[in-house]
Amino acid sequence: MDHLCLKEEEKPSKIDALQLNAEGKTHTFQFRIKSGEINKVVCDTSKTVFGAIHDDDEFKSCNKEGKEIIIRRSKGQNHEAAVKTDFPCCLIEEDETLQINFYKVEKCASTNQETTTETDPKSLVTFYIRTRGMTRKKIMKSSVFLENNIDYVCVFAHKGDTFKKALQHDGRFIDDIFDKACKLVDDEKKNNQLNLKVDFSDGKKYELKLNVKRKKPQVPASSDKTEQKAIQEKKTKVTDPSTEGHATQNTSGNSSGDSGNSFFTDIKNILETVLKDVLNQLKQQDNPQVQEFLQKDYDKGVVECFTEVNKVRQIIELSDSVCVIRVDDSPKGTGFLLFDRFILTNAHVVKKFVYSPQEAPHTLKLSGTLTAKFEVFGSEANILPVKSDLIAYGFEDDDRRRWHDFALLELNTVKPDNCTELLSCYKHANSPKRGGIYIVGHPGCGVKKMDPCFIIGIENQLQSINKHISENVSCPYVSWGCWPYLHQNRITYKSCFFHGSSGSPVFDEDCCLIGMHSGGFDYEEGETPRSVIEFSYSMQPILESIITQVNKRSDILELLSKFEFIKAIFKLGKIEDVYGANVPNKEEQQSEDEKMEIN
């Protein structure tokens, strides 16, 4: 279950200086623990409910070990609905009193969060889902709701999101509700598809109507042979899904309606090829979760998030911003254009070439000749020089159990032509816990490729590792070595991207930049490279660390300020420039982590 369960030894970390920079307007609300006194809270609007109350003395004194926390809103229009710990406090009414209770459970996962990603209530909507579905099927992961007569849960979402995305992000609902046949029924008894946007759902109540699968009637053995033959002939007339929807090409090389413009023909050919490759890769990947996902949520193997033409076309356009990082003309890994002339890659890609000059020991430089090779469709490869100054760098564990592995490089030229700044497609939000992703990079430092795969949620990581152990008994030491090093800021999945693909951008189903592909736990079986599980680092901590390190570089801060979400969240502004202010994090030598950063 995805609700917050706190163990006595697990204490939330203090809010660092970076988060304080995001503070702005204050907000006031009240809460009561069990049947105790009412406590008043004054907090920053960027806080979550948990972030606002976890420093309260009464909350600290509660026995929370092995217990699940349930936070309920007030009566009346809020229906005493339960909210998650990451619920934005700006959505709590100032005269509202939250009721907090703790329930003992056998198994729980810690998901506490101190800050949220959106502080403007106008950009958010809230709606209510009844904890009992319209059928008898269970819809909530936790039994706490039904056992304690909690009728509704309150869900928040960003405007523009779909119901499906909002419920997946919420994490309290079982996976079966994301079946195509599941519907949301409102008070007017109208059915709402999960792919509808939430924009007009603010304050509304819904019940989930799950599809009840019925057994197919068996055809009697004595069926009339003539009738069976007619049915068979009818089946043969159905269009083959593998050929349906393909455009026709004429001999001149232009598609119908192209009017002589070969650009549309090129795009069509690319999309057809990519879609075939995507489906083939999904079918060939040794990933039981993928196969189950295909069969369960996407009938007949048609994966919605990977086969929508507009999304694939957008990924192709964004892929122009992905490059190969080369040192002394030798490829070392992948990188991508983050903003303006600055490239992001993994620290371990360039780690061997990092040094501190004697004249400026507090700065870092890169030895050798570095270049970035961009392959843009329809153009020759563009090889651009990289400056020796390391702009920002992190290869260490922080006090919030997050591992940093990034390096920000600067091109010795202007931004490459026809390349999108991928920071422009970054959405400052929590990383998705499930769903499809696209990885674009240069595995083996060779041809640029795209790998579609599915996120393995935190609750399924150990199960996935154990399954790999059971199927590969010759390498248990590799598998068991994974679990202690799955840091909180890692997004895990099964990918075919191994060596050379470190530094590849990772996009979600909406083509938003969510992370940087960074490594896995690999081994060799004979001459075949294998990996237990792969991971990327989420973008939010990377950006936080970068902005902290460049806070004295007014030229870089000015470039970052053009992105409205960064300007608003981090309160960027022009400040006096100081030479050599890009002070890097101290490197922490950990042989185990160096061993697993293998891509």
Foldseek 3Di string as FASTA:
>chain_A
DAAAADALVDAADDDDPQQVLQFDDKAKAWEDEDPDDIDIWIGGQQWFQCLGPSPPPVNNPDHRRQKGKWKFKDDDLRPRATEGRRHGPLPHDNHIYIYIYIGHDDDDDHDHDTGFQDRDCVQKAKEKEFQCAPDNDGWFPDCVCVVVVRGIHMWMDGFVAFQLQRVLQRPGTDPQCLAQPKFWQWPVRDTHGRRDTCNPRHSTYTHIDGDDDDDDDDDDPPDDPVVVVVVVVVVVPDDDVVPPPQFDDDPVQATPPRVPPNVVSVLSVVLVVQLVVQLVLLVPDPDVVSVCCQVRRNNPRDDVLRNDSVNVSVVLLQLQQKWFKDFQNHTQAIWGQQFKQKIKFWQLSQVVQWDADPVGNQFIFGDGWIWIWGDRPPDDIDIFTWGGGWQAAAAQADPRQAGGTMTMIGTPDTDDPSHDNLNLQADRGDFRQWAKKKWWFQAVVHDIDIHIWMWQGPVCLLVLLVVVCVVCVPPNVLSVLPVVNCTPQKTKTDTPRFGRHGHIFMAGSVRGTFWTWFFFRWDDDDPRIDGSMTITGTCNVVVSRSCVQCVQPQVVLVRVVVRPSCCNSSVGDGDHHDPPSNRYDDHDDDPSVSNGRGD
